[in-house]
Amino acid sequence: MANKNVTYFSFTIPFYVFLFLFPYVQTFPVQARSPLDYRFYEQSCPRLPMIVQYHGCDASVLLDDTEDFEGEKSALPNLNSLRGYDVIDNIKADVEKYCIPQTVSCVDILTLASREAVGLSGGPFWPVLLGRRDGTTANKQSVLQQIPFPSESLKAITAKFTAKGLDLKDVVALSGGHTIGFAQCFTFKGRLFNYKGTGNPDPELDTSVLTSLQTMCPNTKSSNTKLAPLDSESSNRFDNSYFGNVMNKAGLLESDQALLDDPRAAALVSSYSENPYLFSMDFAASMVKLGNLGILTGQDGEIRQKCGSVNH
């Protein structure tokens, strides 16, 4: 059961994640006006961690489309890849039932659930400050502009990270989240059959991996939405094998293999492939940074009654 929840909640958003990545960060960053607190819900919802764990940052990614705006769910990077909405909805329903109603935000639930998903799959623990508030709108175009694409260069990806207050080390560490989850074939099929318009496969892709992926994702439109594991060695287990794949030219996405294009990033990839403890420690540190970016607190935003829609 744990593996089922983890695989599902990894959102299978692979490439963009940057894996649990930018969906946490509010599309329009706002400076926090009041501090977060580890015990923010101690009075209103003391059972919150247990509730989230049982089911195994402004949560704008959770909003459904309305007549007033197109949300982030339907944006190309998220469509049919970002999953687990029902898990969040179920947690929210329980929170509303067992805690003081409308006090726990969807974004705090999302942040806690992500940590639990990593932990249940064998990954590290990190402390999560609480007290974020939910946004009241979403922006499809901003998703397209801000979330890294699987074919982007490392330079372009790093620029998107640094614009949010992260750095190259965060890029590499958070990319390691691709140790769990899946990617749709259309996100990497160009590498298999027509790399950068050459009509040939990506010469940097290991030949045995190439053959396997061509069988899994044939060069037909009907294969576009088929899923391939981001880490064929351990798609349901959080470990450092992703970095070994990259070192062996077996990274699934162009953005994975691009980590070797910069000597500094390549050195981190090598270190993480050899030292799982170092990777876990740095991944946890980067997730802490990520969870504190662009948040709403105090009287900004709202506490949604249902995570898929703003309050009326």
Protein backbone atom coordinates (compact mmCIF):
# COMPACT_ATOMS: atom_id res chain seq x y z
CA MET A 1 0.00 0.00 0.00
CA ALA A 2 2.80 2.38 0.82
CA ASN A 3 4.44 1.88 -2.54
CA LYS A 4 1.15 2.47 -4.31
CA ASN A 5 0.66 5.79 -2.58
CA VAL A 6 4.22 6.86 -3.13
CA THR A 7 4.26 6.08 -6.82
CA TYR A 8 1.01 7.92 -7.28
CA PHE A 9 1.92 10.89 -5.19
CA SER A 10 5.25 11.39 -6.86
CA PHE A 11 2.83 13.08 -9.22
CA THR A 12 4.78 11.54 -12.05
CA ILE A 13 5.62 15.05 -13.08
CA PRO A 14 9.00 14.09 -13.86
CA PHE A 15 10.77 16.55 -15.87
CA TYR A 16 9.20 19.55 -14.40
CA VAL A 17 9.39 18.62 -10.94
CA PHE A 18 11.36 19.15 -10.92
CA LEU A 19 9.50 17.02 -9.12
CA PHE A 20 7.62 18.23 -6.48
CA LEU A 21 9.22 21.44 -7.45
CA PHE A 22 7.71 24.54 -8.84
CA PRO A 23 4.11 23.51 -8.13
CA TYR A 24 4.83 24.56 -4.56
CA VAL A 25 6.14 27.96 -5.41
CA GLN A 26 3.54 30.61 -5.84
CA THR A 27 3.41 31.81 -9.42
CA PHE A 28 3.70 35.40 -8.29
CA PRO A 29 6.15 35.43 -5.36
CA VAL A 30 5.05 37.39 -2.31
CA GLN A 31 7.23 38.27 0.64
CA ALA A 32 6.02 36.55 3.80
CA ARG A 33 4.70 39.08 6.33
CA SER A 34 4.55 36.81 9.34
CA PRO A 35 6.78 33.89 10.29
CA LEU A 36 5.93 30.26 9.77
CA ASP A 37 5.95 27.95 12.77
CA TYR A 38 6.52 24.22 13.20
CA ARG A 39 3.62 24.16 15.71
CA PHE A 40 1.28 26.47 13.81
CA TYR A 41 -1.64 23.99 13.99
CA GLU A 42 -0.96 22.72 17.50
CA GLN A 43 -4.30 24.04 18.76
CA SER A 44 -6.50 23.97 15.67
CA CYS A 45 -5.34 20.63 14.23
CA PRO A 46 -2.93 18.72 16.47
CA ARG A 47 -3.54 15.50 14.49
CA LEU A 48 -2.51 17.05 11.16
CA PRO A 49 0.81 15.16 10.72
CA MET A 50 -0.91 11.85 11.51
CA ILE A 51 -3.75 12.55 9.09
CA VAL A 52 -1.35 13.42 6.27
CA GLN A 53 0.83 10.40 6.99
CA TYR A 54 -2.18 8.10 6.96
CA HIS A 55 -2.96 9.14 3.40
CA GLY A 56 0.44 8.66 2.65
CA CYS A 57 3.89 27.61 -1.97
CA ASP A 58 0.28 28.53 -2.56
CA ALA A 59 -1.26 25.36 -3.92
CA SER A 60 -2.41 27.22 -7.02
CA VAL A 61 -1.57 24.01 -8.88
CA LEU A 62 -4.60 22.37 -7.22
CA LEU A 63 -7.16 24.80 -8.64
CA ASP A 64 -9.55 23.63 -11.36
CA ASP A 65 -10.24 25.78 -14.43
CA THR A 66 -13.05 28.33 -14.08
CA GLU A 67 -14.73 30.84 -16.38
CA ASP A 68 -12.33 33.48 -15.06
CA PHE A 69 -8.99 31.72 -15.55
CA GLU A 70 -7.25 28.66 -16.93
CA GLY A 71 -5.54 26.90 -14.06
CA GLU A 72 -2.23 25.10 -13.92
CA LYS A 73 -3.64 21.57 -14.14
CA SER A 74 -4.25 21.93 -17.87
CA ALA A 75 -0.86 23.46 -18.67
CA LEU A 76 1.22 21.20 -20.92
CA PRO A 77 3.88 20.48 -18.26
CA ASN A 78 1.18 19.23 -15.87
CA LEU A 79 -1.52 17.78 -18.15
CA ASN A 80 -1.85 14.03 -17.54
CA SER A 81 1.49 14.09 -15.70
CA LEU A 82 0.78 15.91 -12.46
CA ARG A 83 -1.33 13.52 -10.41
CA GLY A 84 -2.43 12.78 -6.87
CA TYR A 85 -5.13 15.44 -6.64
CA ASP A 86 -7.56 12.99 -5.05
CA VAL A 87 -5.00 12.18 -2.34
CA ILE A 88 -4.83 15.87 -1.38
CA ASP A 89 -8.62 16.17 -1.54
CA ASN A 90 -9.03 13.17 0.77
CA ILE A 91 -6.56 14.58 3.27
CA LYS A 92 -8.32 17.94 3.17
CA ALA A 93 -11.69 16.27 3.79
CA ASP A 94 -10.33 14.50 6.86
CA VAL A 95 -8.66 17.66 8.13
CA GLU A 96 -11.93 19.57 7.85
CA LYS A 97 -13.71 16.74 9.69
CA TYR A 98 -11.29 16.21 12.58
CA CYS A 99 -9.81 19.71 13.06
CA ILE A 100 -11.21 23.18 13.50
CA PRO A 101 -12.76 23.78 10.06
CA GLN A 102 -11.05 26.00 7.52
CA THR A 103 -7.83 26.51 9.48
CA VAL A 104 -5.39 24.23 7.62
CA SER A 105 -4.34 25.38 4.16
CA CYS A 106 -4.13 23.17 1.12
CA VAL A 107 -0.57 24.30 0.48
CA ASP A 108 0.53 23.15 3.94
CA ILE A 109 -1.16 19.81 3.29
CA LEU A 110 0.63 19.57 -0.05
CA THR A 111 3.98 20.39 1.52
CA LEU A 112 3.56 17.84 4.30
CA ALA A 113 2.26 15.16 1.93
CA SER A 114 5.29 15.56 -0.31
CA ARG A 115 7.60 14.95 2.62
CA GLU A 116 5.60 11.87 3.61
CA ALA A 117 5.71 10.52 0.03
CA VAL A 118 9.49 10.79 0.01
CA GLY A 119 9.77 9.26 3.47
CA LEU A 120 7.47 6.34 2.70
CA SER A 121 9.60 5.50 -0.34
CA GLY A 122 12.78 5.41 1.71
CA GLY A 123 13.92 9.01 1.39
CA PRO A 124 15.00 11.57 3.98
CA PHE A 125 12.98 13.51 6.54
CA TRP A 126 13.07 17.30 6.76
CA PRO A 127 11.34 19.75 9.09
CA VAL A 128 8.37 21.60 7.61
CA LEU A 129 7.39 25.04 8.86
CA LEU A 130 3.62 25.61 8.76
CA GLY A 131 1.26 28.54 8.44
CA ARG A 132 1.11 29.10 4.68
CA ARG A 133 -2.11 30.36 3.14
CA ASP A 134 -3.66 29.36 -0.17
CA GLY A 135 -3.66 31.54 -3.26
CA THR A 136 -6.89 32.63 -4.90
CA THR A 137 -5.95 32.27 -8.55
CA ALA A 138 -3.71 30.30 -10.89
CA ASN A 139 -1.89 31.21 -14.08
CA LYS A 140 -1.41 28.72 -16.89
CA GLN A 141 0.95 30.94 -18.87
CA SER A 142 3.26 31.45 -15.91
CA VAL A 143 3.59 27.70 -15.56
CA LEU A 144 4.75 27.48 -19.17
CA GLN A 145 7.27 30.25 -18.58
CA GLN A 146 8.64 29.16 -15.21
CA ILE A 147 8.68 25.37 -15.10
CA PRO A 148 11.72 23.73 -16.74
CA PHE A 149 11.06 21.64 -19.83
CA PRO A 150 12.70 18.25 -20.42
CA SER A 151 14.58 19.45 -23.49
CA GLU A 152 15.98 22.66 -21.97
CA SER A 153 19.67 23.28 -21.45
CA LEU A 154 21.13 23.19 -17.97
CA LYS A 155 21.83 26.92 -18.27
CA ALA A 156 18.17 27.69 -18.97
CA ILE A 157 16.96 25.40 -16.19
CA THR A 158 19.37 26.91 -13.69
CA ALA A 159 18.18 30.39 -14.63
CA LYS A 160 14.62 29.42 -13.71
CA PHE A 161 15.82 28.08 -10.38
CA THR A 162 17.92 31.12 -9.53
CA ALA A 163 14.99 33.39 -10.39
CA LYS A 164 13.18 31.71 -7.49
CA GLY A 165 16.09 32.00 -5.07
CA LEU A 166 17.59 28.56 -5.62
CA ASP A 167 21.03 27.69 -7.05
CA LEU A 168 22.88 25.09 -9.11
CA LYS A 169 23.29 22.77 -6.15
CA ASP A 170 19.53 22.84 -5.66
CA VAL A 171 19.05 22.03 -9.35
CA VAL A 172 21.16 18.89 -9.05
CA ALA A 173 19.84 17.77 -5.67
CA LEU A 174 16.18 18.28 -6.58
CA SER A 175 16.69 16.59 -9.94
CA GLY A 176 17.48 13.51 -7.87
CA GLY A 177 13.79 13.36 -7.07
CA HIS A 178 13.55 11.69 -10.47
CA THR A 179 14.52 8.53 -8.65
CA ILE A 180 10.76 7.92 -8.31
CA GLY A 181 7.91 8.47 -10.74
CA PHE A 182 7.34 8.26 -14.46
CA ALA A 183 7.47 10.42 -17.59
CA GLN A 184 5.18 10.33 -20.60
CA CYS A 185 6.87 9.16 -23.80
CA PHE A 186 6.28 12.42 -25.64
CA THR A 187 8.60 14.22 -23.22
CA PHE A 188 11.67 12.32 -24.37
CA LYS A 189 10.72 10.57 -27.64
CA GLY A 190 12.72 13.06 -29.67
CA ARG A 191 15.88 11.62 -28.12
CA LEU A 192 14.96 8.21 -29.45
CA PHE A 193 14.22 8.95 -33.08
CA ASN A 194 14.97 12.52 -34.11
CA TYR A 195 17.37 14.21 -31.72
CA LYS A 196 17.45 17.95 -32.38
CA GLY A 197 16.10 17.38 -35.90
CA THR A 198 18.97 15.14 -37.00
CA GLY A 199 16.77 12.16 -37.82
CA ASN A 200 18.94 10.05 -35.52
CA PRO A 201 18.84 9.09 -31.82
CA ASP A 202 20.71 11.06 -29.19
CA PRO A 203 24.33 9.83 -29.43
CA GLU A 204 24.76 10.44 -25.68
CA LEU A 205 22.09 7.88 -24.76
CA ASP A 206 23.34 4.41 -23.84
CA THR A 207 22.59 2.02 -26.71
CA SER A 208 20.95 -0.66 -24.58
CA VAL A 209 18.75 1.94 -22.91
CA LEU A 210 17.91 3.37 -26.34
CA THR A 211 16.75 -0.01 -27.63
CA SER A 212 14.60 -0.61 -24.58
CA LEU A 213 12.97 2.82 -24.75
CA GLN A 214 12.30 2.56 -28.48
CA THR A 215 10.38 -0.64 -27.77
CA MET A 216 8.52 0.97 -24.89
CA CYS A 217 7.79 4.19 -26.80
CA PRO A 218 7.55 3.41 -30.54
CA ASN A 219 7.66 6.31 -32.96
CA THR A 220 3.89 6.64 -33.25
CA LYS A 221 1.49 9.23 -31.89
CA SER A 222 -0.40 6.57 -29.96
CA SER A 223 2.60 6.03 -27.68
CA ASN A 224 2.81 9.67 -26.54
CA THR A 225 1.02 9.17 -23.26
CA LYS A 226 2.62 5.86 -22.33
CA LEU A 227 4.71 6.01 -19.17
CA ALA A 228 8.36 5.15 -18.66
CA PRO A 229 10.12 5.10 -15.28
CA LEU A 230 12.38 8.04 -14.65
CA ASP A 231 14.70 5.66 -12.86
CA SER A 232 14.48 2.16 -14.29
CA GLU A 233 16.52 0.83 -11.37
CA SER A 234 14.16 1.93 -8.61
CA SER A 235 11.06 3.82 -9.76
CA ASN A 236 9.29 3.18 -6.44
CA ARG A 237 12.23 3.65 -4.11
CA PHE A 238 13.90 6.93 -3.14
CA ASP A 239 17.63 6.35 -3.47
CA ASN A 240 20.65 7.71 -5.35
CA SER A 241 20.51 5.35 -8.35
CA TYR A 242 19.26 8.21 -10.55
CA PHE A 243 22.71 9.76 -10.42
CA GLY A 244 24.33 6.48 -11.39
CA ASN A 245 22.04 6.40 -14.41
CA VAL A 246 23.14 9.88 -15.43
CA MET A 247 26.80 8.95 -15.01
CA ASN A 248 26.20 5.91 -17.25
CA LYS A 249 24.43 7.94 -19.96
CA ALA A 250 21.10 6.39 -19.02
CA GLY A 251 19.25 9.50 -17.88
CA LEU A 252 15.74 9.39 -19.33
CA LEU A 253 15.26 13.09 -20.11
CA GLU A 254 17.56 15.49 -21.88
CA SER A 255 17.41 17.66 -18.77
CA ASP A 256 18.69 14.71 -16.72
CA GLN A 257 21.68 14.07 -18.94
CA ALA A 258 22.33 17.82 -19.23
CA LEU A 259 23.53 17.81 -15.63
CA LEU A 260 26.89 16.64 -16.96
CA ASP A 261 27.26 19.70 -19.21
CA ASP A 262 28.55 21.86 -16.37
CA PRO A 263 31.69 20.72 -14.47
CA ARG A 264 30.24 21.90 -11.16
CA ALA A 265 26.97 20.04 -11.68
CA ALA A 266 28.79 16.98 -12.98
CA ALA A 267 30.93 16.91 -9.81
CA LEU A 268 27.78 16.92 -7.69
CA VAL A 269 26.25 14.13 -9.80
CA SER A 270 29.37 12.05 -9.25
CA SER A 271 29.40 12.73 -5.51
CA TYR A 272 25.71 11.89 -5.11
CA SER A 273 26.13 8.67 -7.11
CA GLU A 274 28.83 7.54 -4.67
CA ASN A 275 27.38 8.89 -1.44
CA PRO A 276 23.64 8.33 -0.82
CA TYR A 277 23.80 10.04 2.56
CA LEU A 278 25.17 13.23 1.00
CA PHE A 279 22.39 13.21 -1.59
CA SER A 280 19.68 12.68 1.03
CA MET A 281 21.07 15.47 3.18
CA ASP A 282 21.31 17.95 0.30
CA PHE A 283 17.91 16.98 -1.12
CA ALA A 284 16.29 17.62 2.26
CA ALA A 285 18.04 20.98 2.58
CA SER A 286 16.86 22.01 -0.90
CA MET A 287 13.29 20.96 -0.11
CA VAL A 288 13.35 23.16 3.00
CA LYS A 289 14.46 26.10 0.84
CA LEU A 290 11.84 25.32 -1.76
CA GLY A 291 9.03 25.11 0.79
CA ASN A 292 9.74 28.63 2.02
CA LEU A 293 9.71 30.40 -1.33
CA GLY A 294 6.95 32.75 -2.49
CA ILE A 295 4.58 31.96 0.36
CA LEU A 296 1.44 33.73 1.54
CA THR A 297 0.95 34.22 5.28
CA GLY A 298 -0.96 36.44 7.70
CA GLN A 299 -4.04 37.88 6.02
CA ASP A 300 -2.89 37.27 2.44
CA GLY A 301 -4.67 34.63 0.40
CA GLU A 302 -7.21 32.38 2.11
CA ILE A 303 -7.76 28.95 3.64
CA ARG A 304 -9.68 27.04 1.00
CA GLN A 305 -12.63 24.91 1.99
CA LYS A 306 -11.90 22.63 -0.95
CA CYS A 307 -8.51 22.46 -2.56
CA GLY A 308 -9.87 22.44 -6.12
CA SER A 309 -11.66 25.79 -5.88
CA VAL A 310 -11.37 29.16 -4.20
CA ASN A 311 -13.89 30.14 -1.54
CA HIS A 312 -17.05 31.91 -2.62
